[in-house]
Protein backbone atom coordinates (compact mmCIF):
# COMPACT_ATOMS: atom_id res chain seq x y z
CA UNK A 1 0.07 0.33 -0.05
CA UNK A 2 1.37 3.21 -0.63
CA UNK A 3 2.29 6.05 0.97
CA UNK A 4 -1.05 8.27 -0.77
CA UNK A 5 -3.32 5.59 -0.10
CA UNK A 6 -2.42 5.20 3.86
CA UNK A 7 -3.06 9.25 3.78
CA UNK A 8 -6.52 8.81 2.23
CA UNK A 9 -7.32 6.46 5.12
CA UNK A 10 -5.92 8.44 7.73
CA UNK A 11 -7.51 11.56 6.47
CA UNK A 12 -11.08 9.78 5.88
CA UNK A 13 -10.64 8.53 9.95
CA UNK A 14 -10.39 12.38 10.89
CA UNK A 15 -12.86 13.58 8.76
CA UNK A 16 -15.13 11.30 9.77
CA UNK A 17 -13.71 11.85 13.40
CA UNK A 18 -14.99 14.98 13.22
CA UNK A 19 -18.23 13.94 11.87
CA UNK A 20 -19.00 11.98 15.25
CA UNK A 21 -17.57 14.73 17.20
CA UNK A 22 -19.84 18.15 15.84
CA UNK A 23 -23.19 15.33 15.99
CA UNK A 24 -22.63 14.43 19.08
CA UNK A 25 -21.01 17.83 20.67
CA UNK A 26 -24.07 19.54 19.39
CA UNK A 27 -26.50 17.72 21.18
CA UNK A 28 -25.07 18.47 24.14
CA UNK A 29 -25.29 21.97 23.18
CA UNK A 30 -28.88 21.54 22.40
CA UNK A 31 -29.72 20.08 25.90
CA UNK A 32 -27.54 23.63 26.78
CA UNK A 33 -28.98 25.97 24.66
CA UNK A 34 -30.92 28.04 27.35
CA UNK A 35 -28.35 28.21 29.15
CA UNK A 36 -26.23 30.64 26.56
CA UNK A 37 -29.48 32.50 25.72
CA UNK A 38 -31.15 30.25 23.05
CA UNK A 39 -34.59 28.52 22.61
CA UNK A 40 -35.59 24.99 24.42
CA UNK A 41 -34.67 22.29 21.69
CA UNK A 42 -37.04 19.47 21.29
CA UNK A 43 -35.91 16.22 20.17
CA UNK A 44 -37.88 16.59 16.61
CA UNK A 45 -35.54 19.45 16.32
CA UNK A 46 -32.92 17.62 17.39
CA UNK A 47 -33.31 14.70 14.61
CA UNK A 48 -34.17 17.69 12.17
CA UNK A 49 -30.15 18.54 12.80
CA UNK A 50 -28.96 15.26 12.53
CA UNK A 51 -31.06 15.06 9.23
CA UNK A 52 -29.45 18.23 7.73
CA UNK A 53 -25.97 16.69 7.95
CA UNK A 54 -26.97 13.24 6.54
CA UNK A 55 -29.12 14.44 4.10
CA UNK A 56 -26.38 17.25 2.56
CA UNK A 57 -24.08 13.98 1.98
CA UNK A 58 -26.79 12.10 0.44
CA UNK A 59 -28.09 14.45 -1.65
CA UNK A 60 -24.49 16.36 -2.77
CA UNK A 61 -22.36 13.23 -3.46
CA UNK A 62 -23.18 12.48 -6.53
CA UNK A 63 -22.83 16.06 -7.60
CA UNK A 64 -19.39 16.48 -6.04
CA UNK A 65 -18.61 13.12 -7.19
CA UNK A 66 -19.56 14.04 -11.00
CA UNK A 67 -16.62 16.61 -10.45
CA UNK A 68 -14.23 15.05 -8.99
CA UNK A 69 -14.24 13.03 -11.86
CA UNK A 70 -14.36 16.15 -13.95
CA UNK A 71 -11.54 18.35 -12.60
CA UNK A 72 -9.88 15.57 -10.41
CA UNK A 73 -10.20 13.28 -6.95
CA UNK A 74 -7.59 14.66 -5.00
CA UNK A 75 -8.14 17.92 -6.04
CA UNK A 76 -12.19 17.80 -4.87
CA UNK A 77 -10.34 16.04 -1.36
CA UNK A 78 -9.27 19.53 0.07
CA UNK A 79 -12.32 21.80 0.40
CA UNK A 80 -14.28 19.54 2.41
CA UNK A 81 -11.99 19.79 5.47
CA UNK A 82 -12.28 23.91 5.05
CA UNK A 83 -16.32 23.93 4.68
CA UNK A 84 -16.27 21.55 7.95
CA UNK A 85 -13.61 23.66 9.77
CA UNK A 86 -15.61 27.39 9.31
CA UNK A 87 -19.07 24.98 9.68
CA UNK A 88 -17.79 24.14 13.08
CA UNK A 89 -16.12 27.98 13.96
CA UNK A 90 -19.69 29.09 13.43
CA UNK A 91 -21.59 26.98 15.53
CA UNK A 92 -19.60 27.92 18.42
CA UNK A 93 -20.70 31.17 17.70
CA UNK A 94 -24.51 30.97 17.75
CA UNK A 95 -27.31 29.88 19.35
CA UNK A 96 -29.77 30.76 16.97
CA UNK A 97 -31.37 27.23 15.47
CA UNK A 98 -32.23 27.97 11.90
CA UNK A 99 -28.50 29.06 11.93
CA UNK A 100 -27.38 25.69 13.82
CA UNK A 101 -29.65 24.25 11.26
CA UNK A 102 -27.28 26.00 8.08
CA UNK A 103 -23.43 25.20 9.64
CA UNK A 104 -25.67 21.33 9.79
CA UNK A 105 -26.07 21.41 6.06
CA UNK A 106 -22.73 23.03 5.39
CA UNK A 107 -20.88 20.26 7.80
CA UNK A 108 -22.93 17.50 5.37
CA UNK A 109 -21.18 19.07 2.28
CA UNK A 110 -17.87 19.17 3.56
CA UNK A 111 -18.37 15.25 3.63
CA UNK A 112 -20.28 15.03 0.75
CA UNK A 113 -16.94 16.69 -1.58
CA UNK A 114 -14.29 14.67 0.27
CA UNK A 115 -15.68 11.46 0.58
CA UNK A 116 -16.58 10.37 -3.08
CA UNK A 117 -13.23 12.07 -3.95
CA UNK A 118 -11.52 9.86 -1.31
CA UNK A 119 -13.63 6.79 -2.81
CA UNK A 120 -12.49 7.59 -6.40
CA UNK A 121 -9.08 8.25 -5.54
CA UNK A 122 -8.94 5.03 -4.21
CA UNK A 123 -10.61 3.11 -7.46
CA UNK A 124 -8.09 5.16 -9.58
CA UNK A 125 -4.80 3.90 -7.62
CA UNK A 126 -6.05 -0.33 -6.88
CA UNK A 127 -7.18 -0.24 -10.73
CA UNK A 128 -4.70 -2.98 -11.66
CA UNK A 129 -4.50 -4.61 -8.57
CA UNK A 130 -7.79 -6.19 -6.86
CA UNK A 131 -6.85 -7.65 -4.41
CA UNK A 132 -5.22 -4.47 -2.79
CA UNK A 133 -8.35 -2.66 -3.76
CA UNK A 134 -10.42 -5.16 -1.64
CA UNK A 135 -8.17 -4.49 1.38
CA UNK A 136 -7.81 -0.48 1.29
CA UNK A 137 -11.83 -0.47 0.41
CA UNK A 138 -12.81 -2.74 3.45
CA UNK A 139 -10.03 -0.25 5.78
CA UNK A 140 -11.85 2.53 4.36
CA UNK A 141 -15.35 1.68 5.79
CA UNK A 142 -13.40 0.96 9.56
CA UNK A 143 -11.84 4.03 9.36
CA UNK A 144 -15.36 5.76 8.37
CA UNK A 145 -17.22 3.54 11.46
CA UNK A 146 -14.15 4.18 13.64
CA UNK A 147 -13.69 7.84 13.34
CA UNK A 148 -18.01 8.51 13.71
CA UNK A 149 -17.38 5.79 16.80
CA UNK A 150 -14.37 7.36 18.41
CA UNK A 151 -15.77 10.71 17.79
CA UNK A 152 -19.06 10.54 19.60
CA UNK A 153 -17.25 9.15 22.17
CA UNK A 154 -14.72 11.91 23.16
CA UNK A 155 -17.48 14.64 22.40
CA UNK A 156 -18.98 14.04 25.80
CA UNK A 157 -15.55 13.97 27.78
CA UNK A 158 -14.87 17.36 25.63
CA UNK A 159 -17.81 19.15 26.82
CA UNK A 160 -17.90 18.33 30.01
CA UNK A 161 -14.61 20.02 30.08
CA UNK A 162 -14.50 22.71 27.53
CA UNK A 163 -18.23 23.33 27.17
CA UNK A 164 -19.22 24.79 23.02
CA UNK A 165 -15.36 25.34 23.41
CA UNK A 166 -15.06 21.81 22.06
CA UNK A 167 -15.80 22.93 18.76
CA UNK A 168 -13.01 24.76 18.08
CA UNK A 169 -10.79 21.50 18.95
CA UNK A 170 -12.66 19.81 16.26
CA UNK A 171 -11.96 22.73 14.01
CA UNK A 172 -8.56 21.77 14.60
CA UNK A 173 -8.86 17.96 13.22
CA UNK A 174 -10.23 19.53 10.05
CA UNK A 175 -7.38 21.20 10.37
CA UNK A 176 -5.46 17.93 10.13
CA UNK A 177 -6.98 16.49 7.77
CA UNK A 178 -6.22 19.31 5.28
CA UNK A 179 -2.75 18.69 5.66
CA UNK A 180 -3.14 15.20 5.38
CA UNK A 181 -5.29 15.42 2.11
CA UNK A 182 -2.99 17.78 1.08
CA UNK A 183 0.60 17.15 1.63
CA UNK A 184 0.33 13.28 2.14
CA UNK A 185 -1.88 12.70 -0.77
CA UNK A 186 0.06 12.56 -4.69
CA UNK A 187 -2.03 13.50 -7.60
CA UNK A 188 -3.33 10.85 -9.98
CA UNK A 189 -3.91 10.49 -13.88
CA UNK A 190 -7.56 10.92 -14.15
CA UNK A 191 -7.59 7.22 -15.16
CA UNK A 192 -5.14 4.22 -14.48
CA UNK A 193 -5.44 1.20 -17.31
CA UNK A 194 -6.52 -1.37 -15.97
CA UNK A 195 -5.03 -3.63 -18.84
CA UNK A 196 -2.25 -2.96 -21.33
CA UNK A 197 -3.60 -1.67 -23.94
CA UNK A 198 -7.08 -0.32 -22.61
CA UNK A 199 -7.68 3.61 -24.29
CA UNK A 200 -7.62 6.53 -22.02
CA UNK A 201 -11.30 7.85 -20.73
CA UNK A 202 -11.07 11.46 -20.86
CA UNK A 203 -12.93 13.82 -18.27
CA UNK A 204 -14.87 15.18 -21.28
CA UNK A 205 -16.72 11.97 -21.20
CA UNK A 206 -18.33 12.49 -17.88
CA UNK A 207 -21.45 13.92 -17.52
CA UNK A 208 -24.65 13.04 -15.45
CA UNK A 209 -26.25 11.29 -17.78
CA UNK A 210 -23.54 8.21 -17.11
CA UNK A 211 -24.65 8.46 -13.98
CA UNK A 212 -28.45 8.22 -14.50
CA UNK A 213 -27.55 4.79 -15.82
CA UNK A 214 -25.82 3.89 -13.27
CA UNK A 215 -28.59 5.08 -10.42
CA UNK A 216 -31.14 3.12 -13.02
CA UNK A 217 -29.21 -0.45 -12.60
CA UNK A 218 -30.28 -3.46 -11.21
CA UNK A 219 -28.02 -4.23 -8.29
CA UNK A 220 -28.07 -0.41 -6.76
CA UNK A 221 -32.09 -0.49 -6.61
CA UNK A 222 -31.32 -4.18 -4.91
CA UNK A 223 -29.14 -2.92 -2.47
CA UNK A 224 -29.32 1.01 -1.48
CA UNK A 225 -33.18 0.63 -0.04
CA UNK A 226 -31.78 -1.88 2.46
CA UNK A 227 -28.61 -0.12 3.24
CA UNK A 228 -30.40 3.16 3.42
CA UNK A 229 -33.20 1.57 6.03
CA UNK A 230 -30.38 -0.42 8.43
CA UNK A 231 -28.40 3.03 8.49
CA UNK A 232 -31.74 5.25 9.76
CA UNK A 233 -32.49 2.45 12.31
CA UNK A 234 -29.04 3.34 13.35
CA UNK A 235 -29.18 6.78 12.75
CA UNK A 236 -32.17 7.50 14.46
CA UNK A 237 -31.73 5.30 17.72
CA UNK A 238 -28.22 6.55 18.03
CA UNK A 239 -29.31 10.64 17.25
CA UNK A 240 -32.41 10.32 20.33
CA UNK A 241 -30.62 7.64 22.81
CA UNK A 242 -27.84 10.11 23.25
CA UNK A 243 -30.11 13.49 23.10
CA UNK A 244 -32.46 11.70 25.51
CA UNK A 245 -29.77 10.33 27.67
CA UNK A 246 -28.73 13.85 28.57
CA UNK A 247 -32.20 15.22 29.13
CA UNK A 248 -33.82 15.85 32.78
CA UNK A 249 -37.24 13.06 33.15
CA UNK A 250 -40.29 15.21 31.37
CA UNK A 251 -43.52 15.21 33.57
CA UNK A 252 -45.28 13.55 30.30
CA UNK A 253 -43.59 11.03 30.43
CA UNK A 254 -42.14 10.00 33.44
CA UNK A 255 -42.68 6.10 32.38
CA UNK A 256 -39.09 7.15 29.72
CA UNK A 257 -36.28 5.48 31.45
CA UNK A 258 -34.15 6.76 28.52
CA UNK A 259 -34.64 10.22 30.08
CA UNK A 260 -32.21 9.91 33.15
CA UNK A 261 -30.39 13.15 33.24
CA UNK A 262 -26.36 12.12 32.54
CA UNK A 263 -23.68 13.88 32.23
CA UNK A 264 -22.03 14.42 28.67
CA UNK A 265 -19.39 12.16 29.46
CA UNK A 266 -21.62 9.48 31.03
CA UNK A 267 -24.01 9.66 28.11
CA UNK A 268 -21.07 9.11 25.90
CA UNK A 269 -19.60 6.14 28.17
CA UNK A 270 -22.81 4.72 27.19
CA UNK A 271 -22.63 4.91 22.97
CA UNK A 272 -19.30 3.57 24.09
CA UNK A 273 -20.25 0.29 25.63
CA UNK A 274 -22.92 -0.20 22.52
CA UNK A 275 -20.06 1.05 19.75
CA UNK A 276 -18.04 -2.00 21.73
CA UNK A 277 -21.28 -4.24 21.02
CA UNK A 278 -21.79 -3.23 17.44
CA UNK A 279 -17.93 -3.77 16.40
CA UNK A 280 -17.81 -6.82 17.48
CA UNK A 281 -21.04 -7.64 15.40
CA UNK A 282 -18.98 -6.51 12.49
CA UNK A 283 -15.87 -8.76 13.26
CA UNK A 284 -18.41 -11.33 14.12
CA UNK A 285 -20.31 -11.26 10.79
CA UNK A 286 -17.76 -9.82 8.39
CA UNK A 287 -15.93 -13.57 8.99
CA UNK A 288 -18.96 -15.52 7.56
CA UNK A 289 -19.96 -13.68 4.25
CA UNK A 290 -18.29 -16.15 2.51
CA UNK A 291 -20.37 -19.31 4.07
CA UNK A 292 -23.82 -17.26 4.47
CA UNK A 293 -23.95 -14.31 2.08
CA UNK A 294 -24.85 -10.81 2.11
CA UNK A 295 -28.81 -11.22 2.24
CA UNK A 296 -28.86 -13.80 4.80
CA UNK A 297 -26.52 -12.29 7.40
CA UNK A 298 -28.74 -8.98 6.23
CA UNK A 299 -31.99 -11.60 7.46
CA UNK A 300 -30.08 -12.41 10.50
CA UNK A 301 -30.21 -8.56 11.72
CA UNK A 302 -33.75 -8.20 10.88
CA UNK A 303 -34.69 -11.38 12.51
CA UNK A 304 -33.04 -10.13 15.42
CA UNK A 305 -34.71 -6.73 15.78
CA UNK A 306 -37.69 -8.27 15.33
CA UNK A 307 -37.10 -9.91 18.12
CA UNK A 308 -36.31 -7.06 20.33
CA UNK A 309 -39.27 -5.63 19.43
CA UNK A 310 -41.47 -8.60 20.42
CA UNK A 311 -39.68 -8.50 23.89
CA UNK A 312 -40.82 -4.75 24.08
CA UNK A 313 -43.98 -5.40 23.65
CA UNK A 314 -44.26 -8.37 25.96
CA UNK A 315 -42.63 -5.72 28.69
CA UNK A 316 -45.53 -3.27 27.69
CA UNK A 317 -48.03 -6.25 28.47
CA UNK A 318 -46.63 -6.88 31.94
CA UNK A 319 -46.73 -3.44 32.83
CA UNK A 320 -50.44 -3.02 31.54
CA UNK A 321 -50.85 -6.16 34.09
CA UNK A 322 -49.45 -4.38 36.67
CA UNK A 323 -51.64 -1.55 36.06
CA UNK A 324 -54.58 -3.48 36.95
CA UNK A 325 -53.10 -5.19 40.08
CA UNK A 326 -52.72 -1.19 41.42
CA UNK A 327 -55.95 0.01 40.39
CA UNK A 328 -57.73 -2.94 42.70
CA UNK A 329 -55.49 -2.35 45.18
CA UNK A 330 -56.65 1.49 44.98
CA UNK A 331 -60.26 0.21 45.12
CA UNK A 332 -59.76 -2.46 48.13
CA UNK A 333 -58.48 0.23 49.93
CA UNK A 334 -60.84 3.26 49.79
CA UNK A 335 -63.43 0.44 50.55
CA UNK A 336 -61.55 -0.98 53.21
CA UNK A 337 -61.29 2.30 54.91
CA UNK A 338 -64.94 3.68 53.62
CA UNK A 339 -63.58 7.08 52.92
CA UNK A 340 -65.13 9.65 50.93
CA UNK A 341 -63.81 11.24 47.33
CA UNK A 342 -61.54 14.04 49.07
CA UNK A 343 -59.80 11.19 51.23
CA UNK A 344 -60.15 8.54 48.32
CA UNK A 345 -57.49 10.73 46.53
CA UNK A 346 -55.43 11.11 49.22
CA UNK A 347 -54.74 7.39 49.72
CA UNK A 348 -54.08 6.95 45.90
CA UNK A 349 -51.47 9.46 46.52
CA UNK A 350 -49.92 7.84 49.38
CA UNK A 351 -50.05 4.52 47.43
CA UNK A 352 -48.53 6.14 44.47
CA UNK A 353 -45.84 7.80 46.88
CA UNK A 354 -45.27 3.83 48.42
CA UNK A 355 -44.50 2.56 45.04
CA UNK A 356 -42.13 5.17 44.20
CA UNK A 357 -40.33 4.54 47.08
CA UNK A 358 -40.67 1.39 47.48
CA UNK A 359 -39.50 -1.57 45.15
CA UNK A 360 -43.08 -0.64 42.64
CA UNK A 361 -41.93 0.34 38.89
CA UNK A 362 -41.63 3.36 37.90
CA UNK A 363 -43.38 3.49 34.43
CA UNK A 364 -46.48 1.61 36.00
CA UNK A 365 -46.75 4.20 38.68
CA UNK A 366 -46.36 6.98 35.42
CA UNK A 367 -48.90 4.87 34.33
CA UNK A 368 -51.65 5.16 37.04
CA UNK A 369 -51.15 9.11 37.15
CA UNK A 370 -51.77 9.89 33.25
CA UNK A 371 -54.28 7.70 33.17
CA UNK A 372 -56.25 9.13 36.80
CA UNK A 373 -57.43 6.10 38.38
CA UNK A 374 -61.41 6.72 38.55
CA UNK A 375 -62.36 6.56 42.47
CA UNK A 376 -65.44 6.36 43.97
CA UNK A 377 -67.17 10.11 43.82
CA UNK A 378 -64.29 11.70 41.86
CA UNK A 379 -65.72 14.15 39.54
CA UNK A 380 -64.11 14.46 35.73
């Protein structure tokens, strides 16, 4: 493997490290935004912020990929880190939600500029060695996942120590990425023949019609929807889980055990534990591609997700059964003491407090509060 290919892999790792770092830092920042003069942010807004980044990368990657084919892959790698650095600096300087949304889109555009160009560079540099291409692309994916994961874990510790100033630290990481891609990667010819006698493809033949043909191909439509859906599951869970972990318990959803009011560094530890499981799964299933095949492994993943949902549904059913028992106990206490409606309400409150202080399930107590258990003589 050449020095340039190693530099591309390192640059991709640091670029994705910045992606994970900013994305998680922003979730902590949005939680504390009122402390810095901003407005309170809902979970829906936090989700939109995350979607803006990946939406920008998804929409703009084909455009920047075409530009990389036209003007050179090495040249198109370099603007991305600059755009990302500008985005994170602006993020640290504002509390305006619309402006923060714009910075997320800009940072997504930064990834869209660099990543397709890096992949194109790898394709050209390894065109004569398919075994080398396989190794480099595999390491590229590891660098992508590892960068995002490590950045997300580091974010909690940085934010706990520095607050919004951590965004400036991320700008320095983007600067390192620029240096690596600018000076560590050598220029390549537009096209390296894969076999002796192959005619070079002039850049003038690259046009949007070629990409439309690729997008219409059956292999793309066979894999792309599944791949997007699986990543959507990971993205929605990862984003919302981190955001909710640092939230204070809500009175509206007092049965929500995810809201624990954790410190950012604690949330990062929880996220890091999930990443350990994720990478263990990648290692395990990656060694079984030859024997099982891609679609079979995807099927195992979907079956596992369905089983988890089934277990969760059984847990919800158990909560409902427990709620019925609590209602019966309330009625028994009222009948036993022969009290009127007002005193019955006091008894109910005491019962709930006993549950909160004792060994009761907090979610069951919350359900009682939400459904307002009907007592004799209680008015609507």
